[in-house]
Amino acid sequence: MYNEINVGERIKYFRTKSGLSQESLALQAEINPAFLGHLERGLKNPTIKTLEKITCALGISLAEFFEPNTETTDEKQAALTHIYNQIKDLPLESVNKISIILQNVLTLEK
C-alpha cells in the first residue's frame, strides 16, 4: 500500500519535537536556514544527501523519518532525540561519564 509522505511536514515535525529552531537545525545539518524553510513549506525538495544531513542532525535514521507515527513512540523518540542533541558534540570522556550516571540512576529505579 502506498502512503504519501509530505517530506517538509516530516522535517518540521521532527524539528519541533526536538525543540530546535530552523536556524539551529540548518546549522547542525550544514544547510542554509532559508533552504530549510523552503523544504518545510514544500517549496523545495531535498536530495537524499540533504535529507541524510537533516536526519543525522535530528538524531534519527532515514528509516525512522519515513516510519508511520505512533504517539507513544513519538513522545519517547522526541525525548531521546533531545538527549542525543544535548550530548552528541561532547568529548567521548564526557559521554562515558554520562553513561555511568545513567546506569546508576537506572539501577536505583529497579
Protein backbone atom coordinates (compact mmCIF):
# COMPACT_ATOMS: atom_id res chain seq x y z
CA MET A 1 0.00 0.00 0.00
CA TYR A 2 1.30 3.44 -0.93
CA ASN A 3 1.24 6.18 1.69
CA GLU A 4 2.13 9.66 0.51
CA ILE A 5 4.54 11.42 2.86
CA ASN A 6 5.00 15.17 2.94
CA VAL A 7 8.75 15.48 3.47
CA GLY A 8 8.56 19.13 4.55
CA GLU A 9 5.93 18.39 7.17
CA ARG A 10 8.02 15.48 8.47
CA ILE A 11 11.11 17.69 8.77
CA LYS A 12 9.16 20.31 10.68
CA TYR A 13 7.52 17.65 12.87
CA PHE A 14 10.84 16.13 13.96
CA ARG A 15 12.49 19.55 14.29
CA THR A 16 9.81 20.87 16.63
CA LYS A 17 9.77 17.59 18.56
CA SER A 18 13.48 18.05 19.10
CA GLY A 19 12.98 21.61 20.31
CA LEU A 20 15.18 23.03 17.55
CA SER A 21 14.71 26.26 15.64
CA GLN A 22 15.02 26.22 11.86
CA GLU A 23 18.31 28.04 12.17
CA SER A 24 19.83 25.66 14.70
CA LEU A 25 18.78 22.58 12.71
CA ALA A 26 20.10 24.12 9.50
CA LEU A 27 23.44 24.90 11.15
CA GLN A 28 23.73 21.38 12.57
CA ALA A 29 22.82 19.88 9.18
CA GLU A 30 25.18 22.28 7.41
CA ILE A 31 22.50 23.65 5.09
CA ASN A 32 21.19 27.15 4.50
CA PRO A 33 18.45 28.15 7.00
CA ALA A 34 16.37 29.73 4.22
CA PHE A 35 16.59 26.48 2.25
CA LEU A 36 15.36 24.54 5.30
CA GLY A 37 12.40 26.91 5.49
CA HIS A 38 11.65 26.23 1.82
CA LEU A 39 11.83 22.49 2.47
CA GLU A 40 9.43 22.69 5.41
CA ARG A 41 6.95 24.74 3.38
CA GLY A 42 7.14 22.33 0.46
CA LEU A 43 8.61 24.91 -1.89
CA LYS A 44 11.73 22.81 -2.50
CA ASN A 45 12.54 19.10 -2.39
CA PRO A 46 15.69 17.78 -0.72
CA THR A 47 18.17 15.41 -2.28
CA ILE A 48 18.80 12.16 -0.43
CA LYS A 49 22.15 13.60 0.73
CA THR A 50 20.44 16.68 2.17
CA LEU A 51 17.80 14.53 3.84
CA GLU A 52 20.59 12.40 5.35
CA LYS A 53 22.22 15.55 6.76
CA ILE A 54 18.90 16.66 8.26
CA THR A 55 18.03 13.29 9.79
CA CYS A 56 21.54 12.96 11.20
CA ALA A 57 21.23 16.40 12.81
CA LEU A 58 17.87 15.31 14.23
CA GLY A 59 19.41 12.13 15.62
CA ILE A 60 17.15 9.83 13.62
CA SER A 61 17.66 7.43 10.74
CA LEU A 62 16.12 7.78 7.30
CA ALA A 63 14.01 4.72 8.13
CA GLU A 64 12.66 6.46 11.25
CA PHE A 65 11.97 9.58 9.21
CA PHE A 66 9.65 7.61 6.94
CA GLU A 67 8.06 5.39 9.62
CA PRO A 68 4.37 5.92 10.41
CA ASN A 69 3.85 7.83 13.65
CA THR A 70 2.58 6.38 16.89
CA GLU A 71 2.00 8.74 19.80
CA THR A 72 3.92 6.84 22.48
CA THR A 73 6.83 6.18 20.14
CA ASP A 74 6.86 9.82 19.04
CA GLU A 75 6.95 11.12 22.60
CA LYS A 76 9.75 8.75 23.56
CA GLN A 77 11.65 9.46 20.34
CA ALA A 78 11.39 13.19 20.98
CA ALA A 79 12.88 12.75 24.45
CA LEU A 80 15.68 10.54 23.11
CA THR A 81 16.42 12.97 20.29
CA HIS A 82 16.56 15.84 22.77
CA ILE A 83 19.07 13.93 24.92
CA TYR A 84 21.11 13.00 21.86
CA ASN A 85 21.24 16.61 20.66
CA GLN A 86 22.47 17.73 24.08
CA ILE A 87 25.36 15.26 24.27
CA LYS A 88 26.38 14.50 20.68
CA ASP A 89 29.11 17.15 20.49
CA LEU A 90 30.65 16.36 23.88
CA PRO A 91 34.02 14.62 24.10
CA LEU A 92 33.93 10.82 24.45
CA GLU A 93 35.10 11.05 28.07
CA SER A 94 32.09 13.20 28.98
CA VAL A 95 29.69 10.88 27.14
CA ASN A 96 31.14 7.92 29.05
CA LYS A 97 30.63 9.74 32.36
CA ILE A 98 27.02 10.49 31.43
CA SER A 99 26.54 6.82 30.56
CA ILE A 100 27.80 5.78 34.00
CA ILE A 101 25.48 8.29 35.69
CA LEU A 102 22.57 6.95 33.64
CA GLN A 103 23.41 3.36 34.60
CA ASN A 104 23.49 4.36 38.27
CA VAL A 105 20.10 6.10 38.02
CA LEU A 106 18.58 3.07 36.29
CA THR A 107 19.98 0.78 38.98
CA LEU A 108 18.33 2.94 41.67
CA GLU A 109 14.95 2.67 39.91
CA LYS A 110 14.94 -1.15 39.99
